[in-house]
Amino acid sequence: MAAKDVLGRTGEELAGRWLERAGWEILDRNWRCRTGEIDLVALDGDDLVVVEVKTRRSLRLGHPAEAVTARKLARLRVLAGQWLAEHDVRAAGLRVDVIAVWLPDDGPARIDHRQGVS
């Protein structure tokens, strides 16, 4: 597995644990279809949340959340509909969140959870 893939998986694992500690239920991880991939699908109370996780080792290229473009958010909304069509889940609401994970070499991981970005 490439270093970039390992970094991404590490960030997704940290984000998943972060959400579980907050009381969320993780329904799916790395769900794929022909259109793309959803990093995490979770329930926050009665709301279904599609979570995009972006992980970086440094901020030289900017904050990880800045890598989530309007185009990516639009694709995530389409993917959310496809995920719902394949799963028997009832939710009061649906939203897209971004979790930015920064893994500096000289300290603990930092997590920035941005809710309802779309």
PDB file of N, CA and C in Angstrom:
ATOM      1  N   MET A   1       0.845  -1.171   0.000  1.00  0.00           N
ATOM      2  CA  MET A   1       0.000   0.000   0.000  1.00  0.00           C
ATOM      3  C   MET A   1       0.899   1.247   0.000  1.00  0.00           C
ATOM      4  N   ALA A   2       0.576   2.213  -0.831  1.00  0.00           N
ATOM      5  CA  ALA A   2       1.364   3.437  -0.946  1.00  0.00           C
ATOM      6  C   ALA A   2       1.249   4.269   0.324  1.00  0.00           C
ATOM      7  N   ALA A   3       2.274   5.078   0.591  1.00  0.00           N
ATOM      8  CA  ALA A   3       2.296   5.910   1.794  1.00  0.00           C
ATOM      9  C   ALA A   3       1.069   6.821   1.860  1.00  0.00           C
ATOM     10  N   LYS A   4       0.650   7.350   0.711  1.00  0.00           N
ATOM     11  CA  LYS A   4      -0.543   8.215   0.667  1.00  0.00           C
ATOM     12  C   LYS A   4      -1.787   7.453   1.116  1.00  0.00           C
ATOM     13  N   ASP A   5      -1.902   6.186   0.687  1.00  0.00           N
ATOM     14  CA  ASP A   5      -3.046   5.361   1.069  1.00  0.00           C
ATOM     15  C   ASP A   5      -3.028   5.043   2.560  1.00  0.00           C
ATOM     16  N   VAL A   6      -1.835   4.766   3.082  1.00  0.00           N
ATOM     17  CA  VAL A   6      -1.695   4.493   4.515  1.00  0.00           C
ATOM     18  C   VAL A   6      -2.095   5.725   5.319  1.00  0.00           C
ATOM     19  N   LEU A   7      -1.642   6.893   4.877  1.00  0.00           N
ATOM     20  CA  LEU A   7      -1.996   8.146   5.554  1.00  0.00           C
ATOM     21  C   LEU A   7      -3.509   8.343   5.552  1.00  0.00           C
ATOM     22  N   GLY A   8      -4.137   8.119   4.407  1.00  0.00           N
ATOM     23  CA  GLY A   8      -5.584   8.280   4.305  1.00  0.00           C
ATOM     24  C   GLY A   8      -6.333   7.319   5.205  1.00  0.00           C
ATOM     25  N   ARG A   9      -5.920   6.073   5.221  1.00  0.00           N
ATOM     26  CA  ARG A   9      -6.575   5.073   6.079  1.00  0.00           C
ATOM     27  C   ARG A   9      -6.395   5.412   7.558  1.00  0.00           C
ATOM     28  N   THR A  10      -5.209   5.906   7.910  1.00  0.00           N
ATOM     29  CA  THR A  10      -4.977   6.310   9.293  1.00  0.00           C
ATOM     30  C   THR A  10      -5.931   7.436   9.685  1.00  0.00           C
ATOM     31  N   GLY A  11      -6.070   8.424   8.823  1.00  0.00           N
ATOM     32  CA  GLY A  11      -6.987   9.528   9.087  1.00  0.00           C
ATOM     33  C   GLY A  11      -8.426   9.066   9.205  1.00  0.00           C
ATOM     34  N   GLU A  12      -8.837   8.161   8.330  1.00  0.00           N
ATOM     35  CA  GLU A  12     -10.203   7.644   8.382  1.00  0.00           C
ATOM     36  C   GLU A  12     -10.453   6.867   9.673  1.00  0.00           C
ATOM     37  N   GLU A  13      -9.464   6.097  10.107  1.00  0.00           N
ATOM     38  CA  GLU A  13      -9.604   5.356  11.364  1.00  0.00           C
ATOM     39  C   GLU A  13      -9.739   6.314  12.546  1.00  0.00           C
ATOM     40  N   LEU A  14      -8.894   7.347  12.581  1.00  0.00           N
ATOM     41  CA  LEU A  14      -8.976   8.347  13.660  1.00  0.00           C
ATOM     42  C   LEU A  14     -10.320   9.062  13.634  1.00  0.00           C
ATOM     43  N   ALA A  15     -10.791   9.418  12.447  1.00  0.00           N
ATOM     44  CA  ALA A  15     -12.074  10.112  12.320  1.00  0.00           C
ATOM     45  C   ALA A  15     -13.214   9.215  12.791  1.00  0.00           C
ATOM     46  N   GLY A  16     -13.170   7.941  12.419  1.00  0.00           N
ATOM     47  CA  GLY A  16     -14.205   7.019  12.860  1.00  0.00           C
ATOM     48  C   GLY A  16     -14.256   6.881  14.370  1.00  0.00           C
ATOM     49  N   ARG A  17     -13.089   6.759  14.975  1.00  0.00           N
ATOM     50  CA  ARG A  17     -13.040   6.670  16.450  1.00  0.00           C
ATOM     51  C   ARG A  17     -13.540   7.957  17.099  1.00  0.00           C
ATOM     52  N   TRP A  18     -13.192   9.096  16.495  1.00  0.00           N
ATOM     53  CA  TRP A  18     -13.642  10.406  16.978  1.00  0.00           C
ATOM     54  C   TRP A  18     -15.181  10.449  17.013  1.00  0.00           C
ATOM     55  N   LEU A  19     -15.799  10.005  15.928  1.00  0.00           N
ATOM     56  CA  LEU A  19     -17.260  10.022  15.835  1.00  0.00           C
ATOM     57  C   LEU A  19     -17.890   9.038  16.814  1.00  0.00           C
ATOM     58  N   GLU A  20     -17.317   7.858  16.940  1.00  0.00           N
ATOM     59  CA  GLU A  20     -17.857   6.872  17.884  1.00  0.00           C
ATOM     60  C   GLU A  20     -17.783   7.381  19.319  1.00  0.00           C
ATOM     61  N   ARG A  21     -16.685   8.041  19.672  1.00  0.00           N
ATOM     62  CA  ARG A  21     -16.574   8.620  21.021  1.00  0.00           C
ATOM     63  C   ARG A  21     -17.618   9.707  21.242  1.00  0.00           C
ATOM     64  N   ALA A  22     -18.048  10.361  20.168  1.00  0.00           N
ATOM     65  CA  ALA A  22     -19.079  11.397  20.256  1.00  0.00           C
ATOM     66  C   ALA A  22     -20.486  10.784  20.275  1.00  0.00           C
ATOM     67  N   GLY A  23     -20.573   9.458  20.212  1.00  0.00           N
ATOM     68  CA  GLY A  23     -21.857   8.781  20.296  1.00  0.00           C
ATOM     69  C   GLY A  23     -22.504   8.466  18.957  1.00  0.00           C
ATOM     70  N   TRP A  24     -21.780   8.681  17.868  1.00  0.00           N
ATOM     71  CA  TRP A  24     -22.318   8.380  16.545  1.00  0.00           C
ATOM     72  C   TRP A  24     -22.207   6.886  16.269  1.00  0.00           C
ATOM     73  N   GLU A  25     -23.071   6.397  15.384  1.00  0.00           N
ATOM     74  CA  GLU A  25     -23.011   5.014  14.939  1.00  0.00           C
ATOM     75  C   GLU A  25     -22.457   4.991  13.513  1.00  0.00           C
ATOM     76  N   ILE A  26     -21.342   4.325  13.326  1.00  0.00           N
ATOM     77  CA  ILE A  26     -20.753   4.185  11.997  1.00  0.00           C
ATOM     78  C   ILE A  26     -21.490   3.056  11.274  1.00  0.00           C
ATOM     79  N   LEU A  27     -22.104   3.373  10.142  1.00  0.00           N
ATOM     80  CA  LEU A  27     -22.854   2.390   9.372  1.00  0.00           C
ATOM     81  C   LEU A  27     -22.028   1.763   8.262  1.00  0.00           C
ATOM     82  N   ASP A  28     -21.073   2.529   7.725  1.00  0.00           N
ATOM     83  CA  ASP A  28     -20.295   2.033   6.601  1.00  0.00           C
ATOM     84  C   ASP A  28     -18.960   2.760   6.542  1.00  0.00           C
ATOM     85  N   ARG A  29     -17.953   2.065   6.050  1.00  0.00           N
ATOM     86  CA  ARG A  29     -16.615   2.641   5.854  1.00  0.00           C
ATOM     87  C   ARG A  29     -16.158   2.318   4.431  1.00  0.00           C
ATOM     88  N   ASN A  30     -15.634   3.320   3.764  1.00  0.00           N
ATOM     89  CA  ASN A  30     -15.077   3.151   2.417  1.00  0.00           C
ATOM     90  C   ASN A  30     -16.055   2.466   1.463  1.00  0.00           C
ATOM     91  N   TRP A  31     -17.297   2.939   1.469  1.00  0.00           N
ATOM     92  CA  TRP A  31     -18.307   2.399   0.566  1.00  0.00           C
ATOM     93  C   TRP A  31     -18.020   2.877  -0.848  1.00  0.00           C
ATOM     94  N   ARG A  32     -18.013   1.931  -1.785  1.00  0.00           N
ATOM     95  CA  ARG A  32     -17.672   2.253  -3.172  1.00  0.00           C
ATOM     96  C   ARG A  32     -18.784   1.830  -4.124  1.00  0.00           C
ATOM     97  N   CYS A  33     -18.894   2.612  -5.196  1.00  0.00           N
ATOM     98  CA  CYS A  33     -19.751   2.259  -6.314  1.00  0.00           C
ATOM     99  C   CYS A  33     -19.083   2.830  -7.562  1.00  0.00           C
ATOM    100  N   ARG A  34     -19.738   2.723  -8.701  1.00  0.00           N
ATOM    101  CA  ARG A  34     -19.135   3.210  -9.949  1.00  0.00           C
ATOM    102  C   ARG A  34     -18.891   4.716  -9.937  1.00  0.00           C
ATOM    103  N   THR A  35     -19.698   5.455  -9.179  1.00  0.00           N
ATOM    104  CA  THR A  35     -19.617   6.913  -9.155  1.00  0.00           C
ATOM    105  C   THR A  35     -18.501   7.434  -8.261  1.00  0.00           C
ATOM    106  N   GLY A  36     -18.120   6.657  -7.253  1.00  0.00           N
ATOM    107  CA  GLY A  36     -17.086   7.123  -6.335  1.00  0.00           C
ATOM    108  C   GLY A  36     -17.099   6.380  -5.019  1.00  0.00           C
ATOM    109  N   GLU A  37     -16.599   7.055  -3.996  1.00  0.00           N
ATOM    110  CA  GLU A  37     -16.440   6.442  -2.681  1.00  0.00           C
ATOM    111  C   GLU A  37     -16.868   7.418  -1.595  1.00  0.00           C
ATOM    112  N   ILE A  38     -17.473   6.852  -0.551  1.00  0.00           N
ATOM    113  CA  ILE A  38     -17.780   7.597   0.665  1.00  0.00           C
ATOM    114  C   ILE A  38     -16.865   7.051   1.748  1.00  0.00           C
ATOM    115  N   ASP A  39     -16.131   7.943   2.417  1.00  0.00           N
ATOM    116  CA  ASP A  39     -15.205   7.498   3.461  1.00  0.00           C
ATOM    117  C   ASP A  39     -15.947   6.882   4.641  1.00  0.00           C
ATOM    118  N   LEU A  40     -16.919   7.627   5.182  1.00  0.00           N
ATOM    119  CA  LEU A  40     -17.692   7.141   6.323  1.00  0.00           C
ATOM    120  C   LEU A  40     -19.160   7.515   6.138  1.00  0.00           C
ATOM    121  N   VAL A  41     -20.035   6.608   6.527  1.00  0.00           N
ATOM    122  CA  VAL A  41     -21.467   6.883   6.602  1.00  0.00           C
ATOM    123  C   VAL A  41     -21.843   6.621   8.053  1.00  0.00           C
ATOM    124  N   ALA A  42     -22.514   7.596   8.673  1.00  0.00           N
ATOM    125  CA  ALA A  42     -22.798   7.470  10.103  1.00  0.00           C
ATOM    126  C   ALA A  42     -24.157   8.045  10.446  1.00  0.00           C
ATOM    127  N   LEU A  43     -24.655   7.647  11.605  1.00  0.00           N
ATOM    128  CA  LEU A  43     -25.853   8.253  12.162  1.00  0.00           C
ATOM    129  C   LEU A  43     -25.457   9.153  13.317  1.00  0.00           C
ATOM    130  N   ASP A  44     -25.874  10.405  13.227  1.00  0.00           N
ATOM    131  CA  ASP A  44     -25.734  11.377  14.305  1.00  0.00           C
ATOM    132  C   ASP A  44     -27.140  11.612  14.822  1.00  0.00           C
ATOM    133  N   GLY A  45     -27.519  10.848  15.838  1.00  0.00           N
ATOM    134  CA  GLY A  45     -28.911  10.877  16.271  1.00  0.00           C
ATOM    135  C   GLY A  45     -29.781  10.302  15.171  1.00  0.00           C
ATOM    136  N   ASP A  46     -30.742  11.099  14.669  1.00  0.00           N
ATOM    137  CA  ASP A  46     -31.626  10.649  13.598  1.00  0.00           C
ATOM    138  C   ASP A  46     -31.153  11.078  12.216  1.00  0.00           C
ATOM    139  N   ASP A  47     -30.017  11.756  12.134  1.00  0.00           N
ATOM    140  CA  ASP A  47     -29.513  12.256  10.862  1.00  0.00           C
ATOM    141  C   ASP A  47     -28.471  11.321  10.268  1.00  0.00           C
ATOM    142  N   LEU A  48     -28.611  11.064   8.973  1.00  0.00           N
ATOM    143  CA  LEU A  48     -27.600  10.312   8.241  1.00  0.00           C
ATOM    144  C   LEU A  48     -26.538  11.301   7.782  1.00  0.00           C
ATOM    145  N   VAL A  49     -25.286  10.976   8.025  1.00  0.00           N
ATOM    146  CA  VAL A  49     -24.189  11.875   7.685  1.00  0.00           C
ATOM    147  C   VAL A  49     -23.175  11.136   6.816  1.00  0.00           C
ATOM    148  N   VAL A  50     -22.882  11.741   5.665  1.00  0.00           N
ATOM    149  CA  VAL A  50     -21.824  11.278   4.789  1.00  0.00           C
ATOM    150  C   VAL A  50     -20.591  12.089   5.156  1.00  0.00           C
ATOM    151  N   VAL A  51     -19.509  11.410   5.488  1.00  0.00           N
ATOM    152  CA  VAL A  51     -18.319  12.087   5.987  1.00  0.00           C
ATOM    153  C   VAL A  51     -17.158  11.904   5.018  1.00  0.00           C
ATOM    154  N   GLU A  52     -16.600  13.025   4.584  1.00  0.00           N
ATOM    155  CA  GLU A  52     -15.380  13.028   3.783  1.00  0.00           C
ATOM    156  C   GLU A  52     -14.219  13.306   4.729  1.00  0.00           C
ATOM    157  N   VAL A  53     -13.210  12.462   4.713  1.00  0.00           N
ATOM    158  CA  VAL A  53     -12.052  12.622   5.588  1.00  0.00           C
ATOM    159  C   VAL A  53     -10.850  13.019   4.731  1.00  0.00           C
ATOM    160  N   LYS A  54     -10.185  14.091   5.126  1.00  0.00           N
ATOM    161  CA  LYS A  54      -8.968  14.536   4.450  1.00  0.00           C
ATOM    162  C   LYS A  54      -7.852  14.584   5.484  1.00  0.00           C
ATOM    163  N   THR A  55      -6.729  13.958   5.158  1.00  0.00           N
ATOM    164  CA  THR A  55      -5.627  13.844   6.105  1.00  0.00           C
ATOM    165  C   THR A  55      -4.346  14.377   5.482  1.00  0.00           C
ATOM    166  N   ARG A  56      -3.599  15.128   6.284  1.00  0.00           N
ATOM    167  CA  ARG A  56      -2.295  15.639   5.852  1.00  0.00           C
ATOM    168  C   ARG A  56      -1.309  15.560   7.008  1.00  0.00           C
ATOM    169  N   ARG A  57      -0.035  15.499   6.639  1.00  0.00           N
ATOM    170  CA  ARG A  57       1.031  15.493   7.650  1.00  0.00           C
ATOM    171  C   ARG A  57       1.493  16.901   7.996  1.00  0.00           C
ATOM    172  N   SER A  58       1.296  17.835   7.073  1.00  0.00           N
ATOM    173  CA  SER A  58       1.685  19.224   7.351  1.00  0.00           C
ATOM    174  C   SER A  58       0.642  20.146   6.740  1.00  0.00           C
ATOM    175  N   LEU A  59       0.746  21.419   7.069  1.00  0.00           N
ATOM    176  CA  LEU A  59      -0.183  22.418   6.541  1.00  0.00           C
ATOM    177  C   LEU A  59       0.457  23.247   5.436  1.00  0.00           C
ATOM    178  N   ARG A  60       1.602  22.801   4.915  1.00  0.00           N
ATOM    179  CA  ARG A  60       2.289  23.530   3.834  1.00  0.00           C
ATOM    180  C   ARG A  60       1.387  23.756   2.629  1.00  0.00           C
ATOM    181  N   LEU A  61       0.559  22.785   2.327  1.00  0.00           N
ATOM    182  CA  LEU A  61      -0.348  22.903   1.188  1.00  0.00           C
ATOM    183  C   LEU A  61      -1.726  23.415   1.593  1.00  0.00           C
ATOM    184  N   GLY A  62      -1.847  23.887   2.821  1.00  0.00           N
ATOM    185  CA  GLY A  62      -3.125  24.386   3.323  1.00  0.00           C
ATOM    186  C   GLY A  62      -3.798  23.390   4.250  1.00  0.00           C
ATOM    187  N   HIS A  63      -4.900  23.838   4.812  1.00  0.00           N
ATOM    188  CA  HIS A  63      -5.699  23.017   5.719  1.00  0.00           C
ATOM    189  C   HIS A  63      -6.302  21.848   4.932  1.00  0.00           C
ATOM    190  N   PRO A  64      -6.351  20.655   5.517  1.00  0.00           N
ATOM    191  CA  PRO A  64      -6.887  19.507   4.781  1.00  0.00           C
ATOM    192  C   PRO A  64      -8.306  19.729   4.237  1.00  0.00           C
ATOM    193  N   ALA A  65      -9.143  20.433   4.967  1.00  0.00           N
ATOM    194  CA  ALA A  65     -10.527  20.652   4.527  1.00  0.00           C
ATOM    195  C   ALA A  65     -10.595  21.467   3.241  1.00  0.00           C
ATOM    196  N   GLU A  66      -9.562  22.247   2.958  1.00  0.00           N
ATOM    197  CA  GLU A  66      -9.546  23.057   1.740  1.00  0.00           C
ATOM    198  C   GLU A  66      -9.505  22.187   0.485  1.00  0.00           C
ATOM    199  N   ALA A  67      -9.138  20.924   0.633  1.00  0.00           N
ATOM    200  CA  ALA A  67      -9.063  20.010  -0.507  1.00  0.00           C
ATOM    201  C   ALA A  67     -10.443  19.505  -0.935  1.00  0.00           C
ATOM    202  N   VAL A  68     -11.472  19.791  -0.150  1.00  0.00           N
ATOM    203  CA  VAL A  68     -12.823  19.358  -0.490  1.00  0.00           C
ATOM    204  C   VAL A  68     -13.488  20.476  -1.293  1.00  0.00           C
ATOM    205  N   THR A  69     -13.594  20.257  -2.587  1.00  0.00           N
ATOM    206  CA  THR A  69     -14.112  21.260  -3.507  1.00  0.00           C
ATOM    207  C   THR A  69     -15.636  21.184  -3.622  1.00  0.00           C
ATOM    208  N   ALA A  70     -16.216  22.188  -4.246  1.00  0.00           N
ATOM    209  CA  ALA A  70     -17.656  22.179  -4.510  1.00  0.00           C
ATOM    210  C   ALA A  70     -18.034  20.980  -5.375  1.00  0.00           C
ATOM    211  N   ARG A  71     -17.168  20.642  -6.314  1.00  0.00           N
ATOM    212  CA  ARG A  71     -17.412  19.476  -7.177  1.00  0.00           C
ATOM    213  C   ARG A  71     -17.449  18.181  -6.356  1.00  0.00           C
ATOM    214  N   LYS A  72     -16.518  18.049  -5.409  1.00  0.00           N
ATOM    215  CA  LYS A  72     -16.477  16.867  -4.552  1.00  0.00           C
ATOM    216  C   LYS A  72     -17.729  16.799  -3.683  1.00  0.00           C
ATOM    217  N   LEU A  73     -18.166  17.946  -3.151  1.00  0.00           N
ATOM    218  CA  LEU A  73     -19.374  17.974  -2.324  1.00  0.00           C
ATOM    219  C   LEU A  73     -20.602  17.557  -3.136  1.00  0.00           C
ATOM    220  N   ALA A  74     -20.683  18.029  -4.374  1.00  0.00           N
ATOM    221  CA  ALA A  74     -21.801  17.644  -5.238  1.00  0.00           C
ATOM    222  C   ALA A  74     -21.787  16.135  -5.482  1.00  0.00           C
ATOM    223  N   ARG A  75     -20.608  15.570  -5.716  1.00  0.00           N
ATOM    224  CA  ARG A  75     -20.499  14.122  -5.914  1.00  0.00           C
ATOM    225  C   ARG A  75     -20.905  13.376  -4.645  1.00  0.00           C
ATOM    226  N   LEU A  76     -20.529  13.879  -3.488  1.00  0.00           N
ATOM    227  CA  LEU A  76     -20.903  13.231  -2.229  1.00  0.00           C
ATOM    228  C   LEU A  76     -22.415  13.224  -2.025  1.00  0.00           C
ATOM    229  N   ARG A  77     -23.092  14.285  -2.449  1.00  0.00           N
ATOM    230  CA  ARG A  77     -24.556  14.309  -2.339  1.00  0.00           C
ATOM    231  C   ARG A  77     -25.181  13.232  -3.238  1.00  0.00           C
ATOM    232  N   VAL A  78     -24.641  13.065  -4.440  1.00  0.00           N
ATOM    233  CA  VAL A  78     -25.119  12.007  -5.340  1.00  0.00           C
ATOM    234  C   VAL A  78     -24.846  10.641  -4.721  1.00  0.00           C
ATOM    235  N   LEU A  79     -23.644  10.461  -4.203  1.00  0.00           N
ATOM    236  CA  LEU A  79     -23.277   9.185  -3.576  1.00  0.00           C
ATOM    237  C   LEU A  79     -24.170   8.878  -2.375  1.00  0.00           C
ATOM    238  N   ALA A  80     -24.530   9.898  -1.613  1.00  0.00           N
ATOM    239  CA  ALA A  80     -25.407   9.698  -0.461  1.00  0.00           C
ATOM    240  C   ALA A  80     -26.747   9.120  -0.921  1.00  0.00           C
ATOM    241  N   GLY A  81     -27.282   9.650  -2.018  1.00  0.00           N
ATOM    242  CA  GLY A  81     -28.534   9.118  -2.555  1.00  0.00           C
ATOM    243  C   GLY A  81     -28.388   7.678  -3.009  1.00  0.00           C
ATOM    244  N   GLN A  82     -27.261   7.367  -3.629  1.00  0.00           N
ATOM    245  CA  GLN A  82     -27.021   5.991  -4.069  1.00  0.00           C
ATOM    246  C   GLN A  82     -26.871   5.057  -2.875  1.00  0.00           C
ATOM    247  N   TRP A  83     -26.177   5.520  -1.839  1.00  0.00           N
ATOM    248  CA  TRP A  83     -26.014   4.696  -0.642  1.00  0.00           C
ATOM    249  C   TRP A  83     -27.380   4.412  -0.023  1.00  0.00           C
ATOM    250  N   LEU A  84     -28.214   5.444   0.091  1.00  0.00           N
ATOM    251  CA  LEU A  84     -29.542   5.263   0.677  1.00  0.00           C
ATOM    252  C   LEU A  84     -30.400   4.299  -0.142  1.00  0.00           C
ATOM    253  N   ALA A  85     -30.265   4.353  -1.465  1.00  0.00           N
ATOM    254  CA  ALA A  85     -31.042   3.461  -2.330  1.00  0.00           C
ATOM    255  C   ALA A  85     -30.667   2.000  -2.117  1.00  0.00           C
ATOM    256  N   GLU A  86     -29.447   1.736  -1.654  1.00  0.00           N
ATOM    257  CA  GLU A  86     -28.975   0.365  -1.448  1.00  0.00           C
ATOM    258  C   GLU A  86     -29.102  -0.133  -0.007  1.00  0.00           C
ATOM    259  N   HIS A  87     -29.485   0.756   0.902  1.00  0.00           N
ATOM    260  CA  HIS A  87     -29.540   0.376   2.312  1.00  0.00           C
ATOM    261  C   HIS A  87     -30.894   0.741   2.904  1.00  0.00           C
ATOM    262  N   ASP A  88     -31.369  -0.100   3.793  1.00  0.00           N
ATOM    263  CA  ASP A  88     -32.656   0.126   4.445  1.00  0.00           C
ATOM    264  C   ASP A  88     -32.433   0.939   5.720  1.00  0.00           C
ATOM    265  N   VAL A  89     -32.182   2.226   5.524  1.00  0.00           N
ATOM    266  CA  VAL A  89     -31.944   3.121   6.662  1.00  0.00           C
ATOM    267  C   VAL A  89     -32.918   4.283   6.561  1.00  0.00           C
ATOM    268  N   ARG A  90     -33.590   4.552   7.641  1.00  0.00           N
ATOM    269  CA  ARG A  90     -34.500   5.693   7.717  1.00  0.00           C
ATOM    270  C   ARG A  90     -33.807   6.783   8.520  1.00  0.00           C
ATOM    271  N   ALA A  91     -33.792   7.976   7.961  1.00  0.00           N
ATOM    272  CA  ALA A  91     -33.134   9.094   8.645  1.00  0.00           C
ATOM    273  C   ALA A  91     -34.013  10.331   8.548  1.00  0.00           C
ATOM    274  N   ALA A  92     -34.002  11.135   9.592  1.00  0.00           N
ATOM    275  CA  ALA A  92     -34.780  12.377   9.598  1.00  0.00           C
ATOM    276  C   ALA A  92     -34.156  13.411   8.676  1.00  0.00           C
ATOM    277  N   GLY A  93     -32.835  13.405   8.596  1.00  0.00           N
ATOM    278  CA  GLY A  93     -32.135  14.376   7.766  1.00  0.00           C
ATOM    279  C   GLY A  93     -30.905  13.754   7.157  1.00  0.00           C
ATOM    280  N   LEU A  94     -30.315  14.492   6.231  1.00  0.00           N
ATOM    281  CA  LEU A  94     -29.107  14.036   5.551  1.00  0.00           C
ATOM    282  C   LEU A  94     -28.170  15.224   5.417  1.00  0.00           C
ATOM    283  N   ARG A  95     -26.900  15.010   5.753  1.00  0.00           N
ATOM    284  CA  ARG A  95     -25.937  16.088   5.582  1.00  0.00           C
ATOM    285  C   ARG A  95     -24.571  15.521   5.229  1.00  0.00           C
ATOM    286  N   VAL A  96     -23.712  16.427   4.754  1.00  0.00           N
ATOM    287  CA  VAL A  96     -22.332  16.076   4.430  1.00  0.00           C
ATOM    288  C   VAL A  96     -21.424  16.830   5.385  1.00  0.00           C
ATOM    289  N   ASP A  97     -20.543  16.099   6.049  1.00  0.00           N
ATOM    290  CA  ASP A  97     -19.549  16.677   6.948  1.00  0.00           C
ATOM    291  C   ASP A  97     -18.159  16.416   6.387  1.00  0.00           C
ATOM    292  N   VAL A  98     -17.220  17.249   6.807  1.00  0.00           N
ATOM    293  CA  VAL A  98     -15.808  17.030   6.485  1.00  0.00           C
ATOM    294  C   VAL A  98     -15.045  16.924   7.792  1.00  0.00           C
ATOM    295  N   ILE A  99     -14.214  15.904   7.886  1.00  0.00           N
ATOM    296  CA  ILE A  99     -13.302  15.800   9.021  1.00  0.00           C
ATOM    297  C   ILE A  99     -11.886  15.923   8.472  1.00  0.00           C
ATOM    298  N   ALA A 100     -11.216  16.970   8.916  1.00  0.00           N
ATOM    299  CA  ALA A 100      -9.830  17.215   8.528  1.00  0.00           C
ATOM    300  C   ALA A 100      -8.936  16.679   9.632  1.00  0.00           C
ATOM    301  N   VAL A 101      -7.976  15.855   9.242  1.00  0.00           N
ATOM    302  CA  VAL A 101      -7.043  15.261  10.197  1.00  0.00           C
ATOM    303  C   VAL A 101      -5.645  15.734   9.828  1.00  0.00           C
ATOM    304  N   TRP A 102      -4.971  16.279  10.812  1.00  0.00           N
ATOM    305  CA  TRP A 102      -3.593  16.737  10.636  1.00  0.00           C
ATOM    306  C   TRP A 102      -2.722  15.896  11.543  1.00  0.00           C
ATOM    307  N   LEU A 103      -1.731  15.224  10.954  1.00  0.00           N
ATOM    308  CA  LEU A 103      -0.844  14.335  11.702  1.00  0.00           C
ATOM    309  C   LEU A 103       0.572  14.898  11.694  1.00  0.00           C
ATOM    310  N   PRO A 104       0.844  15.903  12.533  1.00  0.00           N
ATOM    311  CA  PRO A 104       2.196  16.478  12.537  1.00  0.00           C
ATOM    312  C   PRO A 104       3.206  15.485  13.099  1.00  0.00           C
ATOM    313  N   ASP A 105       4.437  15.602  12.642  1.00  0.00           N
ATOM    314  CA  ASP A 105       5.497  14.715  13.128  1.00  0.00           C
ATOM    315  C   ASP A 105       5.848  14.970  14.586  1.00  0.00           C
ATOM    316  N   ASP A 106       5.583  16.192  15.051  1.00  0.00           N
ATOM    317  CA  ASP A 106       6.054  16.593  16.377  1.00  0.00           C
ATOM    318  C   ASP A 106       4.953  16.708  17.428  1.00  0.00           C
ATOM    319  N   GLY A 107       3.847  16.021  17.237  1.00  0.00           N
ATOM    320  CA  GLY A 107       2.800  16.112  18.245  1.00  0.00           C
ATOM    321  C   GLY A 107       1.621  15.213  17.917  1.00  0.00           C
ATOM    322  N   PRO A 108       0.578  15.317  18.743  1.00  0.00           N
ATOM    323  CA  PRO A 108      -0.588  14.447  18.555  1.00  0.00           C
ATOM    324  C   PRO A 108      -1.409  14.865  17.335  1.00  0.00           C
ATOM    325  N   ALA A 109      -2.235  13.937  16.893  1.00  0.00           N
ATOM    326  CA  ALA A 109      -3.142  14.213  15.782  1.00  0.00           C
ATOM    327  C   ALA A 109      -4.115  15.321  16.178  1.00  0.00           C
ATOM    328  N   ARG A 110      -4.467  16.118  15.193  1.00  0.00           N
ATOM    329  CA  ARG A 110      -5.464  17.179  15.397  1.00  0.00           C
ATOM    330  C   ARG A 110      -6.626  16.925  14.453  1.00  0.00           C
ATOM    331  N   ILE A 111      -7.831  17.050  14.987  1.00  0.00           N
ATOM    332  CA  ILE A 111      -9.032  16.773  14.204  1.00  0.00           C
ATOM    333  C   ILE A 111      -9.927  18.010  14.192  1.00  0.00           C
ATOM    334  N   ASP A 112     -10.363  18.371  13.004  1.00  0.00           N
ATOM    335  CA  ASP A 112     -11.271  19.505  12.799  1.00  0.00           C
ATOM    336  C   ASP A 112     -12.514  18.967  12.098  1.00  0.00           C
ATOM    337  N   HIS A 113     -13.629  18.907  12.823  1.00  0.00           N
ATOM    338  CA  HIS A 113     -14.871  18.357  12.285  1.00  0.00           C
ATOM    339  C   HIS A 113     -15.777  19.505  11.872  1.00  0.00           C
ATOM    340  N   ARG A 114     -16.060  19.588  10.572  1.00  0.00           N
ATOM    341  CA  ARG A 114     -16.911  20.639  10.022  1.00  0.00           C
ATOM    342  C   ARG A 114     -18.233  20.021   9.588  1.00  0.00           C
ATOM    343  N   GLN A 115     -19.296  20.408  10.283  1.00  0.00           N
ATOM    344  CA  GLN A 115     -20.607  19.807  10.046  1.00  0.00           C
ATOM    345  C   GLN A 115     -21.407  20.597   9.015  1.00  0.00           C
ATOM    346  N   GLY A 116     -22.146  19.853   8.196  1.00  0.00           N
ATOM    347  CA  GLY A 116     -23.062  20.468   7.247  1.00  0.00           C
ATOM    348  C   GLY A 116     -22.398  21.380   6.241  1.00  0.00           C
ATOM    349  N   VAL A 117     -21.355  20.901   5.597  1.00  0.00           N
ATOM    350  CA  VAL A 117     -20.586  21.754   4.688  1.00  0.00           C
ATOM    351  C   VAL A 117     -21.240  21.945   3.333  1.00  0.00           C
ATOM    352  N   SER A 118     -22.197  21.109   2.985  1.00  0.00           N
ATOM    353  CA  SER A 118     -22.802  21.260   1.653  1.00  0.00           C
ATOM    354  C   SER A 118     -24.067  22.075   1.695  1.00  0.00           C
TER     355      SER A 118
END
